[in-house]
Amino acid sequence: MSAVDGEVGAVRPKTVALLAAVATIAVALNLRPAVVAVSPLLDTIRSDTGLSAPLAGLLTTLPLICFGIFSPVAPRLARRIGSSGQSVRPWSCWLSASCCGSSRR
């Protein structure tokens, strides 16, 4: 008896596909604010930091540049690191950067 034939605790392919779709949408909704949050705050950022207009434009463009640069590399990196490393390493980098940034204040 295979897992699809009705074995107790078996996960059906349609369920897996539905969960993958829901997870993808949830991640997209979670990442969207981080990508678009700079634009509404750009005037405040410029006045607080003295950032010039060209650098402010670059600041809003950086996420798209990173998406373009790293998207071709992501599948190879995923195969090399594995699924657990994909979630742990970015968070550890973010946590390290946050701690370093907060220690400078």
C-alpha atoms as a PDB file:
ATOM      1  CA  MET A   1       0.000   0.000   0.000  1.00  0.00           C
ATOM      2  CA  SER A   2       1.493   3.320  -1.010  1.00  0.00           C
ATOM      3  CA  ALA A   3       1.156   6.582   0.899  1.00  0.00           C
ATOM      4  CA  VAL A   4      -1.313   7.896  -1.657  1.00  0.00           C
ATOM      5  CA  ASP A   5      -3.576   4.812  -1.484  1.00  0.00           C
ATOM      6  CA  GLY A   6      -4.979   5.756   1.922  1.00  0.00           C
ATOM      7  CA  GLU A   7      -2.331   4.893   4.463  1.00  0.00           C
ATOM      8  CA  VAL A   8      -2.971   6.542   7.815  1.00  0.00           C
ATOM      9  CA  GLY A   9      -1.080   9.826   8.072  1.00  0.00           C
ATOM     10  CA  ALA A  10      -0.366   9.957   4.340  1.00  0.00           C
ATOM     11  CA  VAL A  11      -0.235  13.336   2.645  1.00  0.00           C
ATOM     12  CA  ARG A  12      -1.988  13.564  -0.692  1.00  0.00           C
ATOM     13  CA  PRO A  13      -0.307  15.373  -3.626  1.00  0.00           C
ATOM     14  CA  LYS A  14      -3.207  17.847  -3.932  1.00  0.00           C
ATOM     15  CA  THR A  15      -2.820  18.743  -0.259  1.00  0.00           C
ATOM     16  CA  VAL A  16       0.900  19.312  -0.715  1.00  0.00           C
ATOM     17  CA  ALA A  17       0.277  21.512  -3.762  1.00  0.00           C
ATOM     18  CA  LEU A  18      -2.358  23.522  -1.891  1.00  0.00           C
ATOM     19  CA  LEU A  19      -0.072  23.983   1.125  1.00  0.00           C
ATOM     20  CA  ALA A  20       2.786  25.056  -1.162  1.00  0.00           C
ATOM     21  CA  ALA A  21       0.556  27.629  -2.856  1.00  0.00           C
ATOM     22  CA  VAL A  22      -0.680  28.991   0.474  1.00  0.00           C
ATOM     23  CA  ALA A  23       2.882  29.157   1.818  1.00  0.00           C
ATOM     24  CA  THR A  24       4.079  30.995  -1.298  1.00  0.00           C
ATOM     25  CA  ILE A  25       1.298  33.559  -1.007  1.00  0.00           C
ATOM     26  CA  ALA A  26       1.976  34.013   2.723  1.00  0.00           C
ATOM     27  CA  VAL A  27       5.680  34.599   2.098  1.00  0.00           C
ATOM     28  CA  ALA A  28       4.926  37.047  -0.716  1.00  0.00           C
ATOM     29  CA  LEU A  29       2.551  39.009   1.501  1.00  0.00           C
ATOM     30  CA  ASN A  30       5.110  39.014   4.305  1.00  0.00           C
ATOM     31  CA  LEU A  31       7.963  40.261   2.103  1.00  0.00           C
ATOM     32  CA  ARG A  32       5.984  42.955   0.297  1.00  0.00           C
ATOM     33  CA  PRO A  33       6.069  45.539   3.114  1.00  0.00           C
ATOM     34  CA  ALA A  34       9.843  45.272   3.371  1.00  0.00           C
ATOM     35  CA  VAL A  35      10.234  45.988  -0.326  1.00  0.00           C
ATOM     36  CA  VAL A  36       7.754  48.864  -0.610  1.00  0.00           C
ATOM     37  CA  ALA A  37       8.168  50.469   2.836  1.00  0.00           C
ATOM     38  CA  VAL A  38      10.988  52.802   1.797  1.00  0.00           C
ATOM     39  CA  SER A  39       9.014  54.895  -0.702  1.00  0.00           C
ATOM     40  CA  PRO A  40       6.480  56.419   1.725  1.00  0.00           C
ATOM     41  CA  LEU A  41       9.282  57.235   4.159  1.00  0.00           C
ATOM     42  CA  LEU A  42      11.713  58.571   1.571  1.00  0.00           C
ATOM     43  CA  ASP A  43      11.189  62.257   2.390  1.00  0.00           C
ATOM     44  CA  THR A  44      11.771  61.595   6.074  1.00  0.00           C
ATOM     45  CA  ILE A  45      14.851  59.495   5.340  1.00  0.00           C
ATOM     46  CA  ARG A  46      16.256  62.196   3.060  1.00  0.00           C
ATOM     47  CA  SER A  47      15.684  64.989   5.572  1.00  0.00           C
ATOM     48  CA  ASP A  48      17.104  62.989   8.493  1.00  0.00           C
ATOM     49  CA  THR A  49      20.202  61.727   6.668  1.00  0.00           C
ATOM     50  CA  GLY A  50      20.861  64.464   4.112  1.00  0.00           C
ATOM     51  CA  LEU A  51      20.605  61.916   1.322  1.00  0.00           C
ATOM     52  CA  SER A  52      20.719  63.344  -2.198  1.00  0.00           C
ATOM     53  CA  ALA A  53      17.956  62.682  -4.729  1.00  0.00           C
ATOM     54  CA  PRO A  54      20.037  60.257  -6.848  1.00  0.00           C
ATOM     55  CA  LEU A  55      21.017  58.235  -3.773  1.00  0.00           C
ATOM     56  CA  ALA A  56      17.409  58.211  -2.592  1.00  0.00           C
ATOM     57  CA  GLY A  57      16.420  56.821  -5.985  1.00  0.00           C
ATOM     58  CA  LEU A  58      19.099  54.163  -5.667  1.00  0.00           C
ATOM     59  CA  LEU A  59      17.792  53.268  -2.204  1.00  0.00           C
ATOM     60  CA  THR A  60      14.350  52.514  -3.625  1.00  0.00           C
ATOM     61  CA  THR A  61      15.891  50.545  -6.497  1.00  0.00           C
ATOM     62  CA  LEU A  62      18.177  48.322  -4.416  1.00  0.00           C
ATOM     63  CA  PRO A  63      15.594  45.591  -3.671  1.00  0.00           C
ATOM     64  CA  LEU A  64      14.859  45.170  -7.391  1.00  0.00           C
ATOM     65  CA  ILE A  65      18.562  45.082  -8.222  1.00  0.00           C
ATOM     66  CA  CYS A  66      19.092  42.393  -5.582  1.00  0.00           C
ATOM     67  CA  PHE A  67      16.145  40.377  -6.899  1.00  0.00           C
ATOM     68  CA  GLY A  68      17.615  40.530 -10.389  1.00  0.00           C
ATOM     69  CA  ILE A  69      21.126  39.604  -9.283  1.00  0.00           C
ATOM     70  CA  PHE A  70      20.292  36.813  -6.857  1.00  0.00           C
ATOM     71  CA  SER A  71      17.290  35.156  -8.512  1.00  0.00           C
ATOM     72  CA  PRO A  72      19.386  33.209 -11.066  1.00  0.00           C
ATOM     73  CA  VAL A  73      21.671  31.985  -8.260  1.00  0.00           C
ATOM     74  CA  ALA A  74      18.874  31.002  -5.837  1.00  0.00           C
ATOM     75  CA  PRO A  75      18.084  27.517  -7.246  1.00  0.00           C
ATOM     76  CA  ARG A  76      21.739  26.462  -7.208  1.00  0.00           C
ATOM     77  CA  LEU A  77      22.158  27.852  -3.723  1.00  0.00           C
ATOM     78  CA  ALA A  78      19.010  26.031  -2.593  1.00  0.00           C
ATOM     79  CA  ARG A  79      20.358  22.722  -3.855  1.00  0.00           C
ATOM     80  CA  ARG A  80      23.685  23.341  -2.133  1.00  0.00           C
ATOM     81  CA  ILE A  81      22.383  24.545   1.234  1.00  0.00           C
ATOM     82  CA  GLY A  82      19.186  22.546   1.528  1.00  0.00           C
ATOM     83  CA  SER A  83      15.821  23.695   2.802  1.00  0.00           C
ATOM     84  CA  SER A  84      16.792  24.073   6.462  1.00  0.00           C
ATOM     85  CA  GLY A  85      19.822  26.234   5.675  1.00  0.00           C
ATOM     86  CA  GLN A  86      17.757  28.505   3.444  1.00  0.00           C
ATOM     87  CA  SER A  87      15.652  29.634   6.352  1.00  0.00           C
ATOM     88  CA  VAL A  88      18.332  29.715   9.050  1.00  0.00           C
ATOM     89  CA  ARG A  89      21.159  31.571   7.315  1.00  0.00           C
ATOM     90  CA  PRO A  90      19.244  34.675   6.136  1.00  0.00           C
ATOM     91  CA  TRP A  91      17.678  35.101   9.568  1.00  0.00           C
ATOM     92  CA  SER A  92      21.050  34.747  11.274  1.00  0.00           C
ATOM     93  CA  CYS A  93      22.518  37.372   8.904  1.00  0.00           C
ATOM     94  CA  TRP A  94      19.589  39.690   9.600  1.00  0.00           C
ATOM     95  CA  LEU A  95      19.932  39.173  13.350  1.00  0.00           C
ATOM     96  CA  SER A  96      23.676  39.862  13.209  1.00  0.00           C
ATOM     97  CA  ALA A  97      23.164  43.037  11.211  1.00  0.00           C
ATOM     98  CA  SER A  98      20.404  44.186  13.560  1.00  0.00           C
ATOM     99  CA  CYS A  99      22.551  43.625  16.612  1.00  0.00           C
ATOM    100  CA  CYS A 100      25.519  45.443  15.058  1.00  0.00           C
ATOM    101  CA  GLY A 101      23.309  48.336  14.004  1.00  0.00           C
ATOM    102  CA  SER A 102      21.674  48.672  17.401  1.00  0.00           C
ATOM    103  CA  SER A 103      24.997  48.601  19.209  1.00  0.00           C
ATOM    104  CA  ARG A 104      26.152  51.723  17.325  1.00  0.00           C
ATOM    105  CA  ARG A 105      23.341  53.915  18.662  1.00  0.00           C
END
